[in-house]
C-alpha atoms as a PDB file:
ATOM      1  CA  MET A   1       1.558 -11.039 -16.198  1.00  0.00           C
ATOM      2  CA  THR A   2       4.996 -11.863 -17.974  1.00  0.00           C
ATOM      3  CA  TYR A   3       8.570 -12.774 -16.933  1.00  0.00           C
ATOM      4  CA  SER A   4      10.912  -9.913 -18.198  1.00  0.00           C
ATOM      5  CA  SER A   5      14.190 -10.455 -19.958  1.00  0.00           C
ATOM      6  CA  ARG A   6      17.324  -9.029 -18.072  1.00  0.00           C
ATOM      7  CA  PRO A   7      20.985  -8.302 -19.727  1.00  0.00           C
ATOM      8  CA  PRO A   8      22.701 -11.699 -19.680  1.00  0.00           C
ATOM      9  CA  GLY A   9      25.080 -11.503 -16.503  1.00  0.00           C
ATOM     10  CA  PRO A  10      28.511 -13.777 -16.705  1.00  0.00           C
ATOM     11  CA  ARG A  11      28.228 -17.895 -16.708  1.00  0.00           C
ATOM     12  CA  ARG A  12      28.933 -19.469 -13.710  1.00  0.00           C
ATOM     13  CA  THR A  13      28.656 -22.568 -12.111  1.00  0.00           C
ATOM     14  CA  THR A  14      25.080 -23.476 -10.949  1.00  0.00           C
ATOM     15  CA  LYS A  15      24.508 -22.930  -7.532  1.00  0.00           C
ATOM     16  CA  ARG A  16      21.984 -24.584  -5.674  1.00  0.00           C
ATOM     17  CA  ALA A  17      18.874 -22.735  -4.596  1.00  0.00           C
ATOM     18  CA  ILE A  18      17.096 -23.219  -1.453  1.00  0.00           C
ATOM     19  CA  VAL A  19      13.188 -22.566  -1.496  1.00  0.00           C
ATOM     20  CA  VAL A  20      12.749 -21.146   2.317  1.00  0.00           C
ATOM     21  CA  PRO A  21       9.597 -19.082   2.724  1.00  0.00           C
ATOM     22  CA  SER A  22      10.083 -15.405   3.866  1.00  0.00           C
ATOM     23  CA  PHE A  23       8.538 -13.952   7.050  1.00  0.00           C
ATOM     24  CA  ASN A  24       6.222 -11.731   4.739  1.00  0.00           C
ATOM     25  CA  PHE A  25       5.013 -14.555   2.977  1.00  0.00           C
ATOM     26  CA  LEU A  26       4.500 -16.556   6.268  1.00  0.00           C
ATOM     27  CA  MET A  27       2.396 -13.609   7.296  1.00  0.00           C
ATOM     28  CA  ILE A  28       0.249 -13.450   4.449  1.00  0.00           C
ATOM     29  CA  VAL A  29      -0.637 -17.327   4.710  1.00  0.00           C
ATOM     30  CA  ALA A  30      -1.298 -16.660   8.675  1.00  0.00           C
ATOM     31  CA  LEU A  31      -3.589 -13.855   7.637  1.00  0.00           C
ATOM     32  CA  PHE A  32      -5.514 -15.829   5.085  1.00  0.00           C
ATOM     33  CA  THR A  33      -6.010 -18.911   7.397  1.00  0.00           C
ATOM     34  CA  VAL A  34      -7.021 -16.515  10.832  1.00  0.00           C
ATOM     35  CA  SER A  35      -9.428 -14.481   8.715  1.00  0.00           C
ATOM     36  CA  GLY A  36     -10.748 -17.666   7.009  1.00  0.00           C
ATOM     37  CA  LEU A  37     -11.341 -19.339  10.255  1.00  0.00           C
ATOM     38  CA  VAL A  38     -12.896 -16.303  11.640  1.00  0.00           C
ATOM     39  CA  ILE A  39     -15.658 -16.028   8.671  1.00  0.00           C
ATOM     40  CA  ALA A  40     -15.686 -20.096   8.941  1.00  0.00           C
ATOM     41  CA  ARG A  41     -16.952 -19.799  12.904  1.00  0.00           C
ATOM     42  CA  ASN A  42     -19.135 -16.651  12.478  1.00  0.00           C
ATOM     43  CA  LEU A  43     -16.499 -14.708  15.037  1.00  0.00           C
ATOM     44  CA  ILE A  44     -16.993 -11.658  13.035  1.00  0.00           C
ATOM     45  CA  GLY A  45     -19.048 -10.638  10.115  1.00  0.00           C
ATOM     46  CA  GLY A  46     -19.377  -7.651   7.401  1.00  0.00           C
ATOM     47  CA  ALA A  47     -17.550  -6.878   4.380  1.00  0.00           C
ATOM     48  CA  GLY A  48     -14.302  -5.885   6.931  1.00  0.00           C
ATOM     49  CA  ILE A  49     -13.093  -9.434   7.409  1.00  0.00           C
ATOM     50  CA  ALA A  50     -14.356 -10.785   4.091  1.00  0.00           C
ATOM     51  CA  LEU A  51     -12.396  -8.048   2.388  1.00  0.00           C
ATOM     52  CA  VAL A  52      -9.289  -8.997   4.614  1.00  0.00           C
ATOM     53  CA  PHE A  53      -9.555 -12.676   3.359  1.00  0.00           C
ATOM     54  CA  VAL A  54     -10.181 -12.113  -0.246  1.00  0.00           C
ATOM     55  CA  PHE A  55      -7.005  -9.405   0.065  1.00  0.00           C
ATOM     56  CA  SER A  56      -4.673 -11.510   1.423  1.00  0.00           C
ATOM     57  CA  GLY A  57      -5.792 -14.958  -0.688  1.00  0.00           C
ATOM     58  CA  TRP A  58      -5.048 -12.751  -3.420  1.00  0.00           C
ATOM     59  CA  VAL A  59      -1.715 -11.496  -2.546  1.00  0.00           C
ATOM     60  CA  LEU A  60      -0.726 -14.688  -1.967  1.00  0.00           C
ATOM     61  CA  SER A  61      -1.937 -16.256  -5.172  1.00  0.00           C
ATOM     62  CA  LEU A  62       0.427 -13.073  -7.050  1.00  0.00           C
ATOM     63  CA  CYS A  63       3.570 -14.329  -4.637  1.00  0.00           C
ATOM     64  CA  LEU A  64       2.343 -18.012  -6.261  1.00  0.00           C
ATOM     65  CA  HIS A  65       2.820 -16.874  -9.757  1.00  0.00           C
ATOM     66  CA  GLU A  66       5.662 -14.816  -9.524  1.00  0.00           C
ATOM     67  CA  PHE A  67       7.298 -17.960  -7.703  1.00  0.00           C
ATOM     68  CA  GLY A  68       6.061 -20.079 -10.600  1.00  0.00           C
ATOM     69  CA  HIS A  69       7.953 -18.064 -13.023  1.00  0.00           C
ATOM     70  CA  ALA A  70      11.044 -18.166 -11.038  1.00  0.00           C
ATOM     71  CA  VAL A  71      11.210 -21.698 -10.155  1.00  0.00           C
ATOM     72  CA  VAL A  72      10.507 -22.695 -13.530  1.00  0.00           C
ATOM     73  CA  ALA A  73      13.438 -20.133 -15.150  1.00  0.00           C
ATOM     74  CA  TYR A  74      15.666 -21.924 -12.286  1.00  0.00           C
ATOM     75  CA  ARG A  75      15.361 -25.268 -13.303  1.00  0.00           C
ATOM     76  CA  GLY A  76      15.434 -24.220 -16.910  1.00  0.00           C
ATOM     77  CA  GLY A  77      19.167 -22.658 -16.525  1.00  0.00           C
ATOM     78  CA  ASP A  78      18.777 -19.133 -14.680  1.00  0.00           C
ATOM     79  CA  ASP A  79      20.623 -19.989 -11.768  1.00  0.00           C
ATOM     80  CA  SER A  80      21.184 -16.686 -11.364  1.00  0.00           C
ATOM     81  CA  ILE A  81      17.448 -16.714  -9.997  1.00  0.00           C
ATOM     82  CA  ALA A  82      18.884 -17.643  -6.881  1.00  0.00           C
ATOM     83  CA  ASP A  83      20.276 -14.380  -6.001  1.00  0.00           C
ATOM     84  CA  THR A  84      17.136 -12.248  -6.746  1.00  0.00           C
ATOM     85  CA  GLY A  85      15.409 -13.481  -3.658  1.00  0.00           C
ATOM     86  CA  TYR A  86      12.284 -14.459  -5.805  1.00  0.00           C
ATOM     87  CA  LEU A  87      12.239 -18.306  -4.401  1.00  0.00           C
ATOM     88  CA  THR A  88      11.634 -16.886  -1.322  1.00  0.00           C
ATOM     89  CA  LEU A  89       8.038 -15.732  -2.172  1.00  0.00           C
ATOM     90  CA  ASP A  90       8.916 -12.524  -0.730  1.00  0.00           C
ATOM     91  CA  PRO A  91       6.684  -9.974  -2.498  1.00  0.00           C
ATOM     92  CA  MET A  92       9.012  -7.336  -1.689  1.00  0.00           C
ATOM     93  CA  ARG A  93      11.121  -9.008  -4.066  1.00  0.00           C
ATOM     94  CA  PHE A  94       9.460  -8.269  -6.994  1.00  0.00           C
ATOM     95  CA  ILE A  95      10.363  -5.546  -9.582  1.00  0.00           C
ATOM     96  CA  ASN A  96       7.807  -3.019  -7.929  1.00  0.00           C
ATOM     97  CA  PRO A  97       5.434  -3.826  -5.309  1.00  0.00           C
ATOM     98  CA  VAL A  98       2.813  -1.320  -6.171  1.00  0.00           C
ATOM     99  CA  LEU A  99       2.755  -2.633  -9.693  1.00  0.00           C
ATOM    100  CA  THR A 100       2.899  -6.290  -8.905  1.00  0.00           C
ATOM    101  CA  ILE A 101       0.608  -6.307  -5.917  1.00  0.00           C
ATOM    102  CA  VAL A 102      -1.323  -2.962  -5.049  1.00  0.00           C
ATOM    103  CA  LEU A 103      -2.684  -1.851  -8.493  1.00  0.00           C
ATOM    104  CA  PRO A 104      -3.496  -5.545  -9.458  1.00  0.00           C
ATOM    105  CA  LEU A 105      -5.546  -5.687  -6.301  1.00  0.00           C
ATOM    106  CA  VAL A 106      -7.401  -2.051  -6.948  1.00  0.00           C
ATOM    107  CA  PHE A 107      -8.319  -3.623 -10.163  1.00  0.00           C
ATOM    108  CA  THR A 108      -9.589  -6.977  -8.699  1.00  0.00           C
ATOM    109  CA  LEU A 109     -11.733  -5.489  -6.383  1.00  0.00           C
ATOM    110  CA  LEU A 110     -13.211  -2.531  -8.468  1.00  0.00           C
ATOM    111  CA  GLY A 111     -13.478  -4.664 -11.782  1.00  0.00           C
ATOM    112  CA  GLY A 112     -14.008  -8.159 -10.692  1.00  0.00           C
ATOM    113  CA  ILE A 113     -11.448  -9.730 -12.895  1.00  0.00           C
ATOM    114  CA  GLY A 114      -8.161 -11.173 -11.599  1.00  0.00           C
ATOM    115  CA  PHE A 115      -5.694  -8.337 -13.071  1.00  0.00           C
ATOM    116  CA  PRO A 116      -2.241  -9.849 -13.426  1.00  0.00           C
ATOM    117  CA  GLY A 117       0.476  -8.390 -11.312  1.00  0.00           C
ATOM    118  CA  GLY A 118       3.799  -7.403 -12.350  1.00  0.00           C
ATOM    119  CA  SER A 119       7.049  -9.674 -13.618  1.00  0.00           C
ATOM    120  CA  VAL A 120      10.410 -11.437 -12.666  1.00  0.00           C
ATOM    121  CA  PHE A 121      13.310 -10.647 -14.208  1.00  0.00           C
ATOM    122  CA  VAL A 122      14.641 -13.907 -15.818  1.00  0.00           C
ATOM    123  CA  ASP A 123      18.018 -13.915 -18.075  1.00  0.00           C
ATOM    124  CA  GLN A 124      16.773 -15.742 -21.153  1.00  0.00           C
ATOM    125  CA  ALA A 125      20.334 -16.423 -22.658  1.00  0.00           C
ATOM    126  CA  ARG A 126      20.869 -19.000 -19.644  1.00  0.00           C
ATOM    127  CA  LEU A 127      17.697 -20.688 -20.317  1.00  0.00           C
ATOM    128  CA  ARG A 128      18.548 -24.293 -21.944  1.00  0.00           C
ATOM    129  CA  SER A 129      15.896 -24.084 -24.780  1.00  0.00           C
ATOM    130  CA  GLU A 130      13.102 -22.128 -26.236  1.00  0.00           C
ATOM    131  CA  GLY A 131      10.730 -24.918 -24.862  1.00  0.00           C
ATOM    132  CA  TRP A 132      12.423 -23.408 -21.319  1.00  0.00           C
ATOM    133  CA  ARG A 133      11.120 -20.136 -22.322  1.00  0.00           C
ATOM    134  CA  SER A 134       7.405 -21.095 -23.107  1.00  0.00           C
ATOM    135  CA  ALA A 135       7.369 -23.053 -19.678  1.00  0.00           C
ATOM    136  CA  VAL A 136       8.924 -20.217 -17.930  1.00  0.00           C
ATOM    137  CA  SER A 137       5.832 -18.112 -19.045  1.00  0.00           C
ATOM    138  CA  ALA A 138       3.500 -20.976 -18.875  1.00  0.00           C
ATOM    139  CA  ALA A 139       4.254 -21.435 -15.050  1.00  0.00           C
ATOM    140  CA  GLY A 140       2.527 -18.752 -13.554  1.00  0.00           C
ATOM    141  CA  PRO A 141      -1.173 -19.012 -15.158  1.00  0.00           C
ATOM    142  CA  ALA A 142      -0.295 -22.796 -13.821  1.00  0.00           C
ATOM    143  CA  ALA A 143       0.602 -21.563 -10.319  1.00  0.00           C
ATOM    144  CA  ASN A 144      -3.259 -19.668 -10.341  1.00  0.00           C
ATOM    145  CA  PHE A 145      -4.767 -22.582 -11.731  1.00  0.00           C
ATOM    146  CA  VAL A 146      -3.262 -25.070  -9.107  1.00  0.00           C
ATOM    147  CA  PHE A 147      -4.324 -22.629  -6.529  1.00  0.00           C
ATOM    148  CA  MET A 148      -7.959 -22.650  -7.689  1.00  0.00           C
ATOM    149  CA  LEU A 149      -7.894 -26.301  -7.294  1.00  0.00           C
ATOM    150  CA  VAL A 150      -6.819 -26.053  -3.866  1.00  0.00           C
ATOM    151  CA  LEU A 151      -9.947 -23.520  -3.160  1.00  0.00           C
ATOM    152  CA  LEU A 152     -12.083 -26.138  -5.055  1.00  0.00           C
ATOM    153  CA  VAL A 153     -10.987 -28.638  -2.031  1.00  0.00           C
ATOM    154  CA  LEU A 154     -11.250 -26.215   0.771  1.00  0.00           C
ATOM    155  CA  TYR A 155     -14.773 -25.072  -0.981  1.00  0.00           C
ATOM    156  CA  ARG A 156     -16.171 -28.665  -0.904  1.00  0.00           C
ATOM    157  CA  TRP A 157     -14.825 -29.166   2.575  1.00  0.00           C
ATOM    158  CA  THR A 158     -16.790 -25.861   3.833  1.00  0.00           C
ATOM    159  CA  ALA A 159     -19.810 -26.470   1.959  1.00  0.00           C
ATOM    160  CA  ASP A 160     -21.742 -27.793   4.872  1.00  0.00           C
ATOM    161  CA  LEU A 161     -20.627 -24.958   7.514  1.00  0.00           C
ATOM    162  CA  PRO A 162     -23.427 -22.430   8.153  1.00  0.00           C
ATOM    163  CA  SER A 163     -21.647 -19.431   7.772  1.00  0.00           C
ATOM    164  CA  PRO A 164     -20.291 -17.685   4.356  1.00  0.00           C
ATOM    165  CA  ILE A 165     -16.910 -18.779   3.989  1.00  0.00           C
ATOM    166  CA  GLY A 166     -17.906 -20.970   1.070  1.00  0.00           C
ATOM    167  CA  ALA A 167     -18.817 -17.713  -0.950  1.00  0.00           C
ATOM    168  CA  GLY A 168     -15.419 -16.060  -0.018  1.00  0.00           C
ATOM    169  CA  ILE A 169     -13.561 -19.048  -0.988  1.00  0.00           C
ATOM    170  CA  ALA A 170     -15.777 -19.089  -4.321  1.00  0.00           C
ATOM    171  CA  ILE A 171     -15.226 -15.381  -5.355  1.00  0.00           C
ATOM    172  CA  LEU A 172     -11.131 -16.209  -4.619  1.00  0.00           C
ATOM    173  CA  ALA A 173     -11.503 -19.144  -6.781  1.00  0.00           C
ATOM    174  CA  PHE A 174     -13.122 -16.901  -9.668  1.00  0.00           C
ATOM    175  CA  LEU A 175     -10.741 -14.343  -9.562  1.00  0.00           C
ATOM    176  CA  GLN A 176      -7.887 -17.045 -10.101  1.00  0.00           C
ATOM    177  CA  ALA A 177     -10.124 -18.449 -13.552  1.00  0.00           C
ATOM    178  CA  THR A 178      -9.893 -14.813 -14.879  1.00  0.00           C
ATOM    179  CA  THR A 179      -6.225 -14.427 -13.757  1.00  0.00           C
ATOM    180  CA  VAL A 180      -5.675 -17.567 -15.758  1.00  0.00           C
ATOM    181  CA  VAL A 181      -8.002 -16.898 -18.642  1.00  0.00           C
ATOM    182  CA  LEU A 182      -6.641 -13.081 -19.108  1.00  0.00           C
ATOM    183  CA  ASN A 183      -3.043 -14.374 -18.721  1.00  0.00           C
ATOM    184  CA  MET A 184      -3.022 -17.073 -21.271  1.00  0.00           C
ATOM    185  CA  LEU A 185      -4.289 -14.422 -23.855  1.00  0.00           C
ATOM    186  CA  PRO A 186      -1.536 -13.918 -26.725  1.00  0.00           C
ATOM    187  CA  ILE A 187      -1.271  -9.889 -26.277  1.00  0.00           C
ATOM    188  CA  PRO A 188       2.614  -8.974 -25.948  1.00  0.00           C
ATOM    189  CA  GLY A 189       3.369  -8.413 -22.059  1.00  0.00           C
ATOM    190  CA  LEU A 190       0.859 -11.332 -21.156  1.00  0.00           C
ATOM    191  CA  ASP A 191       1.966 -15.365 -20.373  1.00  0.00           C
ATOM    192  CA  GLY A 192       0.054 -16.549 -23.113  1.00  0.00           C
ATOM    193  CA  TYR A 193       2.492 -14.403 -25.842  1.00  0.00           C
ATOM    194  CA  GLY A 194       5.677 -15.501 -23.834  1.00  0.00           C
ATOM    195  CA  VAL A 195       4.563 -19.277 -24.634  1.00  0.00           C
ATOM    196  CA  ILE A 196       4.185 -18.800 -28.445  1.00  0.00           C
ATOM    197  CA  ARG A 197       6.921 -16.222 -28.705  1.00  0.00           C
ATOM    198  CA  PRO A 198       9.315 -18.850 -29.395  1.00  0.00           C
ATOM    199  CA  LEU A 199       7.442 -19.871 -32.193  1.00  0.00           C
ATOM    200  CA  LEU A 200       7.207 -16.535 -33.916  1.00  0.00           C
ATOM    201  CA  PRO A 201       9.299 -15.468 -36.465  1.00  0.00           C
ATOM    202  CA  MET A 202      11.852 -12.762 -35.290  1.00  0.00           C
ATOM    203  CA  SER A 203      10.447  -9.737 -36.782  1.00  0.00           C
ATOM    204  CA  TRP A 204       7.131 -10.378 -34.908  1.00  0.00           C
ATOM    205  CA  ARG A 205       9.010 -11.167 -31.890  1.00  0.00           C
ATOM    206  CA  ASP A 206      10.822  -7.431 -32.256  1.00  0.00           C
ATOM    207  CA  THR A 207       7.445  -5.925 -32.919  1.00  0.00           C
ATOM    208  CA  GLY A 208       5.975  -8.131 -29.811  1.00  0.00           C
ATOM    209  CA  ASP A 209       8.705  -7.384 -27.383  1.00  0.00           C
ATOM    210  CA  ARG A 210       7.939  -3.549 -28.229  1.00  0.00           C
ATOM    211  CA  MET A 211       4.410  -3.618 -27.627  1.00  0.00           C
ATOM    212  CA  ALA A 212       5.122  -5.446 -24.365  1.00  0.00           C
ATOM    213  CA  LEU A 213       6.816  -2.319 -22.870  1.00  0.00           C
ATOM    214  CA  HIS A 214       3.330  -0.440 -23.072  1.00  0.00           C
ATOM    215  CA  SER A 215       0.916  -3.706 -21.879  1.00  0.00           C
ATOM    216  CA  GLY A 216       0.133  -2.653 -18.787  1.00  0.00           C
ATOM    217  CA  ILE A 217      -1.654   0.809 -20.673  1.00  0.00           C
ATOM    218  CA  VAL A 218      -2.832  -1.057 -23.540  1.00  0.00           C
ATOM    219  CA  ILE A 219      -4.859  -3.425 -21.233  1.00  0.00           C
ATOM    220  CA  THR A 220      -6.162  -1.230 -19.320  1.00  0.00           C
ATOM    221  CA  GLY A 221      -7.599   0.610 -22.140  1.00  0.00           C
ATOM    222  CA  LEU A 222      -9.194  -2.028 -23.328  1.00  0.00           C
ATOM    223  CA  PHE A 223     -10.892  -2.793 -19.849  1.00  0.00           C
ATOM    224  CA  LEU A 224     -11.977   0.887 -19.320  1.00  0.00           C
ATOM    225  CA  PHE A 225     -13.454   1.234 -23.452  1.00  0.00           C
ATOM    226  CA  VAL A 226     -14.007  -2.201 -24.879  1.00  0.00           C
ATOM    227  CA  GLY A 227     -16.798  -3.209 -22.693  1.00  0.00           C
ATOM    228  CA  ALA A 228     -16.835  -6.871 -24.709  1.00  0.00           C
ATOM    229  CA  PHE A 229     -13.231  -7.421 -23.728  1.00  0.00           C
ATOM    230  CA  GLY A 230     -14.103  -7.385 -19.912  1.00  0.00           C
ATOM    231  CA  ARG A 231     -17.264  -9.175 -20.532  1.00  0.00           C
ATOM    232  CA  ALA A 232     -15.139 -11.922 -22.140  1.00  0.00           C
ATOM    233  CA  ILE A 233     -12.699 -12.508 -19.525  1.00  0.00           C
ATOM    234  CA  PHE A 234     -15.615 -12.208 -16.416  1.00  0.00           C
ATOM    235  CA  PHE A 235     -17.644 -15.265 -18.635  1.00  0.00           C
ATOM    236  CA  GLY A 236     -14.815 -17.205 -19.473  1.00  0.00           C
ATOM    237  CA  GLY A 237     -13.604 -17.103 -15.251  1.00  0.00           C
ATOM    238  CA  LEU A 238     -17.219 -17.701 -14.482  1.00  0.00           C
ATOM    239  CA  ARG A 239     -17.470 -20.921 -17.296  1.00  0.00           C
ATOM    240  CA  ILE A 240     -14.379 -22.224 -15.828  1.00  0.00           C
ATOM    241  CA  THR A 241     -15.417 -22.257 -11.929  1.00  0.00           C
ATOM    242  CA  ASN A 242     -18.944 -23.523 -12.943  1.00  0.00           C
ATOM    243  CA  ALA A 243     -17.483 -26.499 -14.864  1.00  0.00           C
ATOM    244  CA  ILE A 244     -15.318 -27.568 -11.720  1.00  0.00           C
ATOM    245  CA  GLY A 245     -18.087 -27.629  -9.288  1.00  0.00           C
ATOM    246  CA  ILE A 246     -18.705 -23.958  -7.626  1.00  0.00           C
ATOM    247  CA  ASP A 247     -21.773 -22.466  -7.511  1.00  0.00           C
ATOM    248  CA  PRO A 248     -21.936 -19.444  -9.659  1.00  0.00           C
ATOM    249  CA  GLY A 249     -24.607 -18.218  -7.067  1.00  0.00           C
ATOM    250  CA  ASP A 250     -21.716 -18.242  -4.465  1.00  0.00           C
ATOM    251  CA  VAL A 251     -19.610 -16.350  -6.712  1.00  0.00           C
ATOM    252  CA  ALA A 252     -22.150 -13.660  -6.649  1.00  0.00           C
ATOM    253  CA  THR A 253     -22.692 -13.861  -2.842  1.00  0.00           C
ATOM    254  CA  GLY A 254     -19.164 -13.239  -2.768  1.00  0.00           C
ATOM    255  CA  PHE A 255     -18.974 -10.239  -4.889  1.00  0.00           C
ATOM    256  CA  GLN A 256     -21.814  -8.942  -2.010  1.00  0.00           C
ATOM    257  CA  MET A 257     -19.417  -9.893   0.776  1.00  0.00           C
ATOM    258  CA  ILE A 258     -16.380  -7.754  -0.160  1.00  0.00           C
ATOM    259  CA  ARG A 259     -18.217  -4.557  -1.196  1.00  0.00           C
ATOM    260  CA  LEU A 260     -17.625  -1.788   1.196  1.00  0.00           C
ATOM    261  CA  TRP A 261     -20.514   0.283  -0.267  1.00  0.00           C
END
């Protein structure tokens, strides 16, 4: 989900930020890597290990999404980001780990769609221009898109392996695609709205900002009560993965892999 603004702090000399991945982030990467190798070598089968692989990959993508917002905000002028811990990619540094990690994961596993997470606080007053404000919003989905391309490379690299790892990678790439589709919708509270917000009249911005406070409820309601909305996101993501060369059959197999019922 898009970044949120925070009250502007005092101006100070720009500090140099050092990006050092946190221990928590490195553990997520390790879990993703090890579970993927276990599946690739057929050491352990079943939904349990597949779920660990997809779970860790999804949390990894959420970290990258929020890091994308933060690092572009820092480059755009908000040097206070260096004090927040967002640049360590630590999920525990996000606004609310439950809203950012747990609930999106539950919605993702139950609904088959990459549900957006929480947001990072950005001091918009520090950003150098309206263009940087749009760039900060676009950076999160861009991180998901880049991660999807990395997964595509892994998908092709493992294509000839006699294991279901390709299907696991396929479903994870599909979730990234649906995340991009959903996040780029121009709905207040989502990144797509943040991209176009600087172009809107001030009265529209005020209305949109008020709506953004309830965006989680609105989006959940759309998924629960407007079937066409969820289907559009689902098939939009499927079209993207199909266009880049991921077999829809592998996506379907991936869904079966992570089912616990």
